[in-house]
Protein backbone atom coordinates (compact mmCIF):
# COMPACT_ATOMS: atom_id res chain seq x y z
CA MET A 1 9.04 16.77 15.58
CA PRO A 2 5.70 17.52 13.89
CA PHE A 3 5.56 19.24 10.55
CA PRO A 4 5.32 22.97 11.39
CA PRO A 5 2.92 25.23 9.54
CA VAL A 6 4.68 27.51 7.08
CA LYS A 7 3.66 31.17 6.92
CA GLN A 8 2.82 32.05 3.33
CA GLU A 9 4.08 35.27 1.74
CA PRO A 10 3.61 34.65 -1.99
CA VAL A 11 5.95 37.28 -3.42
CA PHE A 12 8.75 36.35 -1.00
CA ASP A 13 8.36 32.64 -1.78
CA LEU A 14 8.44 33.41 -5.50
CA VAL A 15 11.62 35.51 -5.23
CA LYS A 16 13.38 32.77 -3.23
CA ARG A 17 12.46 30.19 -5.88
CA MET A 18 14.06 32.19 -8.70
CA THR A 19 17.39 31.08 -10.15
CA LYS A 20 20.28 33.48 -10.73
CA ALA A 21 19.51 33.57 -14.44
CA GLU A 22 15.85 34.36 -13.73
CA LYS A 23 16.77 37.17 -11.34
CA ARG A 24 19.18 38.65 -13.87
CA ASN A 25 16.53 38.45 -16.58
CA PHE A 26 13.95 40.07 -14.31
CA LYS A 27 16.22 43.03 -13.55
CA LEU A 28 16.88 43.55 -17.26
CA TYR A 29 13.14 43.37 -17.92
CA ALA A 30 12.14 45.64 -15.02
CA THR A 31 14.73 48.33 -15.80
CA ARG A 32 14.10 48.41 -19.56
CA LEU A 33 12.55 51.89 -19.35
CA ASP A 34 14.26 55.02 -18.07
CA GLY A 35 13.21 55.90 -14.58
CA ASN A 36 12.51 52.34 -13.47
CA GLN A 37 16.01 51.80 -12.10
CA GLN A 38 15.03 53.42 -8.82
CA ALA A 39 11.47 52.10 -8.83
CA LYS A 40 10.10 51.16 -5.44
CA PHE A 41 9.20 47.67 -6.53
CA MET A 42 12.85 47.06 -7.52
CA ALA A 43 13.95 48.18 -4.06
CA LEU A 44 11.43 45.74 -2.64
CA PHE A 45 12.78 42.96 -4.86
CA ASP A 46 16.37 43.58 -3.70
CA VAL A 47 15.38 43.49 -0.01
CA LEU A 48 13.37 40.28 -0.43
CA ASP A 49 16.17 38.69 -2.42
CA ALA A 50 18.70 39.39 0.33
CA ALA A 51 16.46 38.25 3.22
CA GLU A 52 16.48 34.75 4.70
CA GLU A 53 12.95 35.14 6.06
CA TYR A 54 10.15 37.57 5.32
CA ASP A 55 10.23 40.46 7.79
CA GLU A 56 7.82 43.32 7.10
CA VAL A 57 9.50 45.69 9.55
CA ARG A 58 12.84 45.18 7.81
CA VAL A 59 11.23 45.72 4.39
CA LEU A 60 9.75 49.07 5.47
CA GLN A 61 13.05 50.19 7.00
CA ARG A 62 15.11 49.39 3.91
CA THR A 63 12.80 50.63 1.16
CA PRO A 64 11.08 53.97 0.44
CA ILE A 65 7.72 52.20 0.62
CA LYS A 66 5.09 53.35 3.11
CA LYS A 67 3.18 50.74 5.07
CA GLU A 68 -0.12 51.50 3.34
CA GLN A 69 1.62 51.13 -0.05
CA LEU A 70 3.19 47.77 0.71
CA PRO A 71 0.29 45.44 -0.26
CA ASN A 72 -0.09 47.08 -3.68
CA MET A 73 3.67 47.13 -4.19
CA LYS A 74 3.97 43.43 -3.39
CA ALA A 75 1.15 42.65 -5.82
CA HIS A 76 2.81 44.74 -8.53
CA LEU A 77 6.19 43.07 -7.99
CA TYR A 78 4.57 39.64 -8.02
CA LYS A 79 2.91 40.35 -11.39
CA GLN A 80 6.09 41.80 -12.91
CA ILE A 81 8.11 38.74 -11.88
CA LEU A 82 5.52 36.39 -13.41
CA VAL A 83 5.55 38.36 -16.68
CA SER A 84 9.34 38.15 -16.75
CA LEU A 85 9.34 34.42 -15.99
CA ARG A 86 6.75 33.81 -18.68
CA MET A 87 8.88 35.60 -21.27
CA LEU A 88 11.91 33.56 -20.24
CA GLY A 89 10.08 30.24 -19.87
CA VAL A 90 8.00 30.24 -23.04
CA GLN A 91 10.97 28.99 -25.08
CA HIS A 92 11.10 25.85 -22.91
CA SER A 93 7.37 25.16 -22.69
CA PRO A 94 5.47 23.82 -25.74
CA GLU A 95 2.16 24.50 -24.00
CA MET A 96 3.08 28.14 -23.32
CA GLN A 97 4.19 28.50 -26.93
CA LEU A 98 0.78 27.32 -28.10
CA ARG A 99 -0.95 29.83 -25.83
CA GLU A 100 1.36 32.54 -27.12
CA GLN A 101 0.35 31.74 -30.72
CA ILE A 102 -3.32 32.19 -29.77
CA ASP A 103 -2.45 35.55 -28.19
CA PHE A 104 -0.68 36.62 -31.38
CA ALA A 105 -3.71 35.58 -33.43
CA LYS A 106 -5.94 37.68 -31.17
CA ILE A 107 -3.73 40.73 -31.71
CA LEU A 108 -3.89 40.25 -35.48
CA TYR A 109 -7.66 39.74 -35.34
CA ASP A 110 -8.12 42.99 -33.41
CA LYS A 111 -6.06 44.72 -36.12
CA GLY A 112 -8.40 43.35 -38.76
CA LEU A 113 -5.68 41.10 -40.24
CA TYR A 114 -7.96 38.08 -40.42
CA ARG A 115 -5.96 35.99 -42.88
CA GLN A 116 -2.77 36.35 -40.86
CA ALA A 117 -4.67 35.43 -37.71
CA GLU A 118 -6.10 32.34 -39.43
CA LYS A 119 -2.60 31.15 -40.42
CA PHE A 120 -1.41 31.39 -36.81
CA LEU A 121 -4.47 29.47 -35.63
CA GLU A 122 -4.11 26.75 -38.29
CA ARG A 123 -0.53 26.05 -37.23
CA THR A 124 -1.47 26.15 -33.57
CA GLN A 125 -4.37 23.75 -34.13
CA GLU A 126 -2.07 21.18 -35.81
CA GLN A 127 0.53 21.43 -33.06
CA ALA A 128 -2.07 21.25 -30.28
CA ALA A 129 -3.65 18.15 -31.83
CA TRP A 130 -0.23 16.47 -32.16
CA LEU A 131 0.65 17.25 -28.53
CA GLU A 132 -2.90 16.36 -27.39
CA GLN A 133 -3.46 19.73 -25.75
CA HIS A 134 -7.22 19.48 -26.07
CA SER A 135 -8.07 22.57 -24.02
CA VAL A 136 -5.83 24.59 -26.35
CA GLU A 137 -7.64 23.04 -29.33
CA LEU A 138 -10.95 24.31 -27.96
CA ASP A 139 -9.50 27.81 -27.59
CA VAL A 140 -8.25 27.66 -31.19
CA ILE A 141 -11.67 26.54 -32.45
CA GLU A 142 -13.33 29.40 -30.58
CA ALA A 143 -10.89 31.91 -32.10
CA GLN A 144 -11.39 30.45 -35.57
CA ARG A 145 -15.15 30.58 -35.10
CA ARG A 146 -14.97 34.32 -34.35
CA ILE A 147 -13.01 34.97 -37.54
CA ALA A 148 -15.36 32.75 -39.56
CA THR A 149 -18.46 34.66 -38.47
CA LEU A 150 -17.88 37.07 -41.37
CA SER A 151 -18.12 34.35 -44.00
CA VAL A 152 -20.83 32.42 -42.10
CA ALA A 153 -22.96 35.56 -42.12
CA ARG A 154 -22.90 35.35 -45.94
CA GLY A 155 -24.34 31.84 -45.83
CA ASN A 156 -21.35 29.54 -45.46
CA MET A 157 -23.04 27.13 -43.01
CA VAL A 158 -20.64 24.29 -43.87
CA THR A 159 -17.94 26.07 -41.85
CA ALA A 160 -20.22 26.33 -38.82
CA ASP A 161 -21.05 22.61 -39.02
CA LEU A 162 -17.33 21.79 -39.26
CA PHE A 163 -16.56 23.79 -36.13
CA GLY A 164 -19.39 22.05 -34.30
CA LYS A 165 -18.13 18.60 -35.31
CA ARG A 166 -14.54 19.40 -34.30
CA THR A 167 -15.71 20.75 -30.95
CA LEU A 168 -17.62 17.52 -30.21
CA GLU A 169 -14.60 15.39 -31.16
CA VAL A 170 -12.25 17.34 -28.91
CA CYS A 171 -14.75 17.32 -26.04
CA SER A 172 -15.12 13.53 -26.31
CA ARG A 173 -11.32 13.20 -26.04
CA ILE A 174 -11.27 15.48 -23.00
CA GLU A 175 -14.06 13.44 -21.40
CA ALA A 176 -12.25 10.12 -21.93
CA THR A 177 -8.94 11.51 -20.70
CA ASN A 178 -10.55 13.04 -17.62
CA ALA A 179 -12.33 9.77 -16.81
CA LEU A 180 -9.03 7.85 -16.81
CA LEU A 181 -7.23 10.63 -14.96
CA THR A 182 -9.93 10.56 -12.26
CA ILE A 183 -9.37 6.82 -11.77
CA CYS A 184 -5.61 7.43 -11.45
CA LEU A 185 -6.11 10.16 -8.85
CA GLN A 186 -8.56 8.05 -6.86
CA LEU A 187 -6.15 5.10 -6.76
CA TYR A 188 -3.20 7.32 -5.84
CA SER A 189 -5.23 9.02 -3.10
CA LEU A 190 -6.23 5.61 -1.76
CA TYR A 191 -2.57 4.56 -1.69
CA ARG A 192 -1.53 7.78 0.05
CA GLN A 193 -4.17 7.25 2.69
CA LEU A 194 -3.93 3.50 3.35
CA GLY A 195 -0.88 2.12 1.55
CA TYR A 196 -1.20 -1.51 0.42
CA ALA A 197 -4.36 -3.63 0.77
CA ARG A 198 -4.60 -4.96 4.32
CA THR A 199 -7.23 -7.67 4.05
CA GLN A 200 -9.11 -9.73 1.51
CA LYS A 201 -12.00 -7.32 2.02
CA ASP A 202 -9.76 -4.45 0.87
CA ILE A 203 -8.73 -6.39 -2.22
CA ASP A 204 -12.32 -7.34 -3.05
CA LEU A 205 -13.50 -3.74 -2.71
CA ILE A 206 -10.69 -2.44 -4.94
CA GLU A 207 -11.35 -5.07 -7.60
CA THR A 208 -15.12 -4.57 -7.53
CA TYR A 209 -14.95 -0.78 -7.77
CA PHE A 210 -11.93 -0.09 -9.98
CA ARG A 211 -11.44 -3.10 -12.24
CA PRO A 212 -14.66 -2.69 -14.32
CA ARG A 213 -13.97 1.04 -14.73
CA ILE A 214 -10.47 0.37 -16.07
CA GLU A 215 -11.32 -2.64 -18.25
CA VAL A 216 -13.74 -0.50 -20.28
CA TYR A 217 -10.64 0.90 -22.04
CA ALA A 218 -8.91 -2.45 -22.71
CA GLY A 219 -8.50 -3.13 -26.42
CA VAL A 220 -9.88 0.28 -27.37
CA ALA A 221 -7.99 2.71 -29.62
CA LEU A 222 -6.66 5.36 -27.24
CA SER A 223 -4.74 8.61 -27.63
CA PHE A 224 -1.33 9.08 -26.03
CA ALA A 225 -2.75 10.70 -22.87
CA GLU A 226 -5.48 8.07 -22.58
CA ARG A 227 -2.98 5.21 -22.88
CA LEU A 228 -0.73 6.96 -20.36
CA TYR A 229 -3.47 7.23 -17.74
CA TYR A 230 -4.68 3.70 -18.56
CA HIS A 231 -1.28 2.20 -17.72
CA GLU A 232 -0.84 4.53 -14.76
CA ALA A 233 -4.18 3.46 -13.33
CA LEU A 234 -3.29 -0.22 -13.72
CA ALA A 235 0.16 0.33 -12.18
CA TRP A 236 -1.42 1.83 -9.04
CA TYR A 237 -4.21 -0.75 -9.05
CA HIS A 238 -1.76 -3.67 -9.01
CA THR A 239 0.58 -1.94 -6.54
CA ILE A 240 -2.19 -1.63 -3.97
CA ARG A 241 -3.08 -5.30 -4.58
CA HIS A 242 0.57 -6.39 -3.95
CA ASP A 243 0.92 -7.57 -7.56
CA PHE A 244 4.26 -5.91 -8.23
CA VAL A 245 5.03 -7.92 -11.38
CA ARG A 246 1.96 -6.58 -13.19
CA SER A 247 2.51 -3.11 -11.75
CA TYR A 248 6.08 -3.17 -13.09
CA ARG A 249 4.88 -4.24 -16.56
CA HIS A 250 2.36 -1.41 -16.80
CA ALA A 251 4.91 1.11 -15.51
CA GLY A 252 7.28 -0.14 -18.24
CA GLN A 253 4.58 0.44 -20.88
CA TRP A 254 3.98 3.85 -19.30
CA ILE A 255 7.63 4.81 -19.92
CA ALA A 256 7.63 3.16 -23.38
CA LEU A 257 4.92 5.63 -24.46
CA PHE A 258 7.30 8.51 -23.78
CA ASP A 259 10.20 6.75 -25.50
CA ALA A 260 8.00 6.46 -28.62
CA ARG A 261 6.98 10.14 -28.35
CA PRO A 262 10.07 11.97 -26.95
CA GLU A 263 8.47 15.39 -27.46
CA MET A 264 5.96 14.51 -24.72
CA LYS A 265 8.69 14.10 -22.07
CA GLU A 266 9.14 17.83 -21.67
CA LEU A 267 5.43 18.56 -21.90
CA MET A 268 4.42 15.94 -19.30
CA TYR A 269 7.68 15.63 -17.38
CA ASP A 270 5.97 14.91 -14.06
CA ASN A 271 4.11 11.91 -15.49
CA TYR A 272 7.33 10.73 -17.15
CA LEU A 273 9.37 10.90 -13.94
CA ASN A 274 6.64 9.31 -11.84
CA GLY A 275 6.54 6.39 -14.27
CA TYR A 276 10.15 5.68 -13.34
CA SER A 277 9.20 5.98 -9.67
CA ARG A 278 6.73 3.09 -10.09
CA ILE A 279 9.36 1.01 -11.93
CA LEU A 280 12.06 1.57 -9.32
CA GLU A 281 9.74 1.04 -6.35
CA GLY A 282 8.41 -2.17 -7.91
CA LEU A 283 11.91 -3.56 -8.47
CA PHE A 284 12.82 -2.79 -4.86
CA LEU A 285 9.76 -4.62 -3.51
CA MET A 286 10.55 -7.59 -5.80
CA ARG A 287 14.19 -7.45 -4.60
CA LYS A 288 15.54 -7.35 -8.18
CA HIS A 289 18.89 -5.80 -7.27
CA LYS A 290 20.73 -5.92 -10.61
CA LEU A 291 17.74 -4.70 -12.60
CA LEU A 292 17.14 -1.98 -9.99
CA ASN A 293 20.72 -0.77 -10.41
CA ASP A 294 20.40 -0.78 -14.20
CA ARG A 295 17.09 1.09 -14.13
CA THR A 296 18.50 3.63 -11.66
CA ILE A 297 21.29 4.43 -14.13
CA GLN A 298 18.69 4.66 -16.90
CA PHE A 299 16.66 7.03 -14.74
CA SER A 300 19.73 9.23 -14.19
CA TYR A 301 20.16 9.50 -17.98
CA ALA A 302 16.47 10.34 -18.34
CA CYS A 303 16.84 13.17 -15.81
CA ALA A 304 19.93 14.45 -17.64
CA GLU A 305 17.94 14.52 -20.89
CA LEU A 306 15.44 16.88 -19.29
CA GLY A 307 18.46 19.09 -18.62
CA GLY A 308 17.31 21.09 -15.62
CA LEU A 309 13.92 21.72 -17.18
CA ASN A 310 12.58 23.50 -14.10
CA GLU A 311 12.72 23.38 -10.33
CA ASN A 312 9.66 21.17 -10.00
CA ALA A 313 11.19 18.55 -12.30
CA PHE A 314 14.37 18.69 -10.22
CA VAL A 315 12.51 18.18 -6.95
CA ILE A 316 10.50 15.23 -8.30
CA SER A 317 13.55 13.54 -9.82
CA ARG A 318 15.72 14.11 -6.74
CA THR A 319 13.02 12.69 -4.45
CA ILE A 320 12.82 9.54 -6.59
CA LEU A 321 16.61 9.20 -6.76
CA TYR A 322 17.15 9.55 -2.99
CA THR A 323 14.40 7.02 -2.27
CA THR A 324 15.90 4.56 -4.74
CA LEU A 325 19.46 4.90 -3.45
CA VAL A 326 18.27 4.23 0.10
CA ASN A 327 16.27 1.23 -1.15
CA ILE A 328 19.40 -0.19 -2.80
CA ALA A 329 21.23 0.18 0.52
CA PHE A 330 18.43 -1.80 2.21
CA ILE A 331 18.67 -4.67 -0.29
CA GLU A 332 22.46 -4.83 0.10
CA GLY A 333 22.29 -4.51 3.89
CA ASP A 334 24.77 -1.65 3.60
CA PHE A 335 23.18 0.77 6.06
CA ARG A 336 26.30 2.94 6.28
CA LYS A 337 25.96 3.58 2.54
CA GLY A 338 22.43 4.84 3.13
CA ILE A 339 23.33 6.84 6.24
CA ALA A 340 26.01 8.66 4.22
CA LEU A 341 23.15 10.19 2.18
CA ILE A 342 21.18 11.50 5.16
CA SER A 343 22.84 14.92 5.49
CA GLU A 344 22.25 15.52 1.77
CA ILE A 345 18.62 14.37 2.07
CA GLU A 346 18.05 16.59 5.12
CA ALA A 347 19.46 19.62 3.27
CA PHE A 348 17.20 18.81 0.32
CA ILE A 349 14.11 18.56 2.56
CA LYS A 350 14.96 21.83 4.29
CA LYS A 351 15.53 23.71 1.05
CA TYR A 352 12.39 22.44 -0.72
CA ASP A 353 10.18 22.00 2.34
CA SER A 354 7.23 23.93 0.88
CA GLN A 355 7.31 21.82 -2.31
CA LEU A 356 7.41 18.44 -0.57
CA ASN A 357 4.09 17.15 0.69
CA ILE A 358 3.69 15.42 4.05
CA HIS A 359 3.45 12.03 2.36
CA ILE A 360 6.92 12.38 0.78
CA LYS A 361 8.52 13.66 3.98
CA MET A 362 6.98 10.89 6.07
CA LEU A 363 8.29 8.26 3.66
CA MET A 364 11.80 9.71 3.72
CA TYR A 365 11.83 9.98 7.50
CA TYR A 366 10.68 6.38 7.84
CA LYS A 367 13.41 5.11 5.52
CA ILE A 368 16.04 7.13 7.42
CA ALA A 369 14.74 5.66 10.70
CA CYS A 370 15.09 2.15 9.25
CA LEU A 371 18.69 2.90 8.20
CA TYR A 372 19.57 3.91 11.75
CA PHE A 373 17.74 0.87 13.16
CA GLY A 374 19.74 -1.44 10.89
CA GLU A 375 22.95 0.23 12.09
CA GLU A 376 21.78 -0.15 15.73
CA GLU A 377 21.65 3.62 16.31
CA TYR A 378 18.31 3.38 18.10
CA THR A 379 18.15 6.89 19.55
CA LYS A 380 18.49 8.41 16.08
CA CYS A 381 15.98 5.91 14.76
CA MET A 382 13.40 6.98 17.36
CA GLU A 383 14.05 10.67 16.60
CA TYR A 384 13.00 10.23 12.97
CA LEU A 385 10.08 7.96 13.87
CA GLY A 386 8.86 10.74 16.16
CA ARG A 387 8.61 13.08 13.17
CA ILE A 388 6.08 10.64 11.70
CA THR A 389 4.10 9.72 14.81
CA ASN A 390 3.69 13.38 15.79
CA THR A 391 1.97 14.30 12.54
CA LYS A 392 -1.37 16.02 13.06
CA ASP A 393 -3.23 14.16 10.30
CA PRO A 394 -3.89 10.47 11.13
CA GLN A 395 -5.37 9.90 7.66
CA ILE A 396 -2.11 10.49 5.75
CA ARG A 397 -0.25 7.20 5.19
CA ARG A 398 -1.95 5.43 8.07
CA ASP A 399 0.21 2.41 7.29
CA LEU A 400 3.45 4.35 7.84
CA GLN A 401 2.14 5.83 11.09
CA CYS A 402 1.19 2.36 12.35
CA PHE A 403 4.51 0.73 11.50
CA ALA A 404 6.45 3.74 12.79
CA LYS A 405 4.84 3.13 16.19
CA ILE A 406 5.69 -0.59 16.08
CA LEU A 407 9.31 0.10 15.06
CA HIS A 408 9.52 2.70 17.84
CA LEU A 409 8.52 -0.01 20.32
CA ILE A 410 11.24 -2.37 19.09
CA ALA A 411 13.86 0.43 19.05
CA SER A 412 12.89 1.40 22.62
CA TYR A 413 13.43 -2.18 23.72
CA GLU A 414 16.78 -2.40 21.92
CA ALA A 415 17.91 0.91 23.41
CA GLY A 416 17.04 -0.32 26.91
CA ILE A 417 14.24 2.23 27.29
CA ASP A 418 11.69 -0.37 28.36
CA TYR A 419 10.58 0.88 31.79
CA ASN A 420 7.11 1.73 30.46
CA LEU A 421 6.99 -0.85 27.67
CA ASP A 422 3.60 -2.20 28.75
CA TYR A 423 2.05 1.28 28.51
CA GLN A 424 3.63 1.83 25.08
CA ILE A 425 2.33 -1.51 23.82
CA ARG A 426 -1.22 -0.76 24.97
CA SER A 427 -1.03 2.68 23.33
CA VAL A 428 0.17 1.21 20.03
CA TYR A 429 -2.44 -1.55 20.20
CA ARG A 430 -5.25 1.00 20.63
CA PHE A 431 -3.89 3.06 17.72
CA LEU A 432 -3.74 0.03 15.40
CA VAL A 433 -7.31 -0.93 16.30
CA LYS A 434 -8.46 2.65 15.69
CA MET A 435 -6.73 2.69 12.30
CA ASN A 436 -8.13 -0.76 11.46
CA ASP A 437 -4.58 -1.95 10.83
CA LEU A 438 -4.16 -4.85 13.25
CA GLN A 439 -3.27 -8.04 11.39
CA HIS A 440 -1.91 -11.42 12.52
CA VAL A 441 1.74 -10.39 12.15
CA GLN A 442 1.26 -7.25 14.26
CA ARG A 443 -0.68 -9.23 16.89
CA GLU A 444 2.11 -11.79 17.18
CA MET A 445 4.76 -9.07 17.47
CA LEU A 446 2.87 -7.07 20.11
CA ALA A 447 2.09 -10.22 22.10
CA PHE A 448 5.78 -11.14 22.11
CA LEU A 449 6.90 -7.66 23.18
CA LYS A 450 4.29 -7.63 25.93
CA LYS A 451 5.66 -10.78 27.57
CA LEU A 452 9.34 -9.82 27.18
CA ASN A 453 9.66 -8.77 30.81
CA THR A 454 8.46 -12.19 31.95
CA ILE A 455 10.88 -14.22 29.82
CA TYR A 456 14.07 -15.48 31.45
CA GLN A 457 17.25 -14.54 29.62
CA SER A 458 18.09 -18.22 29.18
CA ASP A 459 14.76 -18.77 27.38
CA LEU A 460 14.88 -15.66 25.20
CA LYS A 461 16.51 -17.24 22.13
CA GLU A 462 14.00 -20.08 22.11
CA GLU A 463 11.08 -17.62 22.34
CA LEU A 464 12.60 -15.59 19.52
CA ARG A 465 12.94 -18.74 17.43
CA ILE A 466 9.29 -19.64 18.07
CA LEU A 467 8.19 -16.14 17.02
CA TYR A 468 10.34 -16.44 13.88
CA GLU A 469 8.69 -19.76 12.97
CA ARG A 470 5.24 -18.23 13.48
CA LEU A 471 5.94 -15.21 11.31
CA LYS A 472 7.93 -16.85 8.51
CA PRO A 473 4.86 -18.35 6.68
CA TYR A 474 3.29 -14.87 6.42
CA GLU A 475 6.19 -13.68 4.25
CA GLU A 476 4.36 -15.00 1.15
CA HIS A 477 0.81 -14.39 2.37
CA PRO A 478 -1.36 -12.46 -0.17
CA TYR A 479 -1.81 -9.44 2.11
CA GLU A 480 -0.22 -10.23 5.50
CA ARG A 481 3.17 -9.91 3.80
CA ARG A 482 2.69 -6.13 3.64
CA THR A 483 4.25 -5.94 7.13
CA PHE A 484 7.57 -7.12 5.71
CA TYR A 485 7.60 -4.25 3.19
CA TYR A 486 7.90 -1.86 6.14
CA LEU A 487 9.77 -3.91 8.76
CA ASP A 488 12.33 -6.61 8.03
CA ILE A 489 11.24 -8.24 11.26
CA LEU A 490 12.53 -11.67 10.20
CA SER A 491 16.10 -10.39 9.75
CA TRP A 492 15.87 -8.68 13.14
CA LEU A 493 14.74 -11.95 14.77
CA GLU A 494 17.54 -13.86 13.03
CA SER A 495 20.05 -11.34 14.34
CA LYS A 496 18.77 -11.77 17.91
CA ILE A 497 18.88 -15.58 17.57
CA THR A 498 22.35 -15.81 15.97
CA GLY A 499 24.01 -12.84 17.69
CA GLU A 500 24.93 -11.27 14.34
CA SER A 501 23.93 -7.73 13.38
CA VAL A 502 20.88 -7.07 11.23
CA GLY A 503 23.21 -5.76 8.52
CA GLU A 504 25.23 -8.99 8.52
CA ILE A 505 22.06 -11.07 8.23
CA ILE A 506 20.76 -9.03 5.27
CA ARG A 507 24.16 -8.95 3.57
CA GLU A 508 24.37 -12.72 3.79
CA LYS A 509 20.89 -13.05 2.26
CA PHE A 510 21.93 -10.65 -0.49
CA ARG A 511 25.07 -12.68 -1.23
CA ARG A 512 23.04 -15.90 -1.47
CA GLU A 513 20.32 -14.37 -3.68
CA SER A 514 22.84 -12.72 -6.01
CA GLY A 515 25.06 -15.82 -6.20
CA ARG A 516 28.00 -14.09 -4.53
CA SER A 517 28.41 -16.50 -1.63
């Protein structure tokens, strides 16, 4: 099932995203004046609130609004809701509070109350500097400059020079922060497009282009935001290079910054939560089960501390938590434990579909497919893989699309749907070549699948054993090992050789590694 396009109706989407408390607050705000109780835009709000989908015909039938009035009425309702949400949300947003202080100073300035305006701006400037809200600092300086023009006109040029110096200092901070943020976004975009480095050429290119740009900031005194983006950049840099130990260390320093400055957690909650995502993903790839469990509990406490900050924070945290819980099930070989989460994950994806990007949905669908494969429910596995392979954009997570096609081949074989296996193999081979994602491990796997129909049943175990011996050395290869992040092909081969299930093979490995055997 491809990802369907979603029709956008901004005011309807906004209404459906409101909580009960926000809706109650909006109605109190909108009906604060006599005569507004029966206002047309309130009738529109009630109809949109009750609807499951936006239906213009239904809106016109159930409100006193004429068709030609509807666009203006929707725009008016949209603005009124935003004003209401801003009034409610400002108490929970330090950044909004800073902006509000500047607005208050502007009101006082327009009233000619310059000294009162200056006091507001002085406090705001201190708070903005502490929270490293540099764009707010610039707005404060501009407001202070306007007030100071009266004294500057009488010859106080020292004040003008001071404003100029402060502006340059803030701008230099913005420039440095933006430079590091750009590196982070470039690395993240590269990961979203390609995944992990595929060849030595990939690694060389990444090191040549990104390493010098990041090392410029090593050993330099950095602000909170600069240090945050420095460690974030290095975490992504090492993740792409398969160096999960270093990635984990930088993600740990990333989170340590927030622990040292707790007030920044609420202000930059998305960065804070995504730092935990890097920690938890790194521990999964390193197969550190106990530490992964401990960090997952720590992450749950961190989410509780944010206390339902906003819907976006909830969606980010829930995405990370579901991914981690499924990863724990993979390590333990307890696929039933992971499958028990699927209905909850599906409901989550359906409810927050417009807030989840294709990359996140593809990753979740792939992990669900792997759960069903491990439990030998191959039809369900292929259903979820189809949601990935039918995506319209071949540039999004090319790695996932490639391995989804390979896993689909193996699932087809296991399900007995192998009447056109040769055609499927050729199709997958062409796709991997097109995506420049054909490595030794994939070649060996496709070659084996291609000759399956010519292997006698009595020789199958020996051929499987030979394939296992060929693939095993690649498990520790600098970049060929990436295949095993996506497909536990070795456990599958062991299961075919021994006659045990994939789950039993992985559970036995887990018992040995954790000292439980």
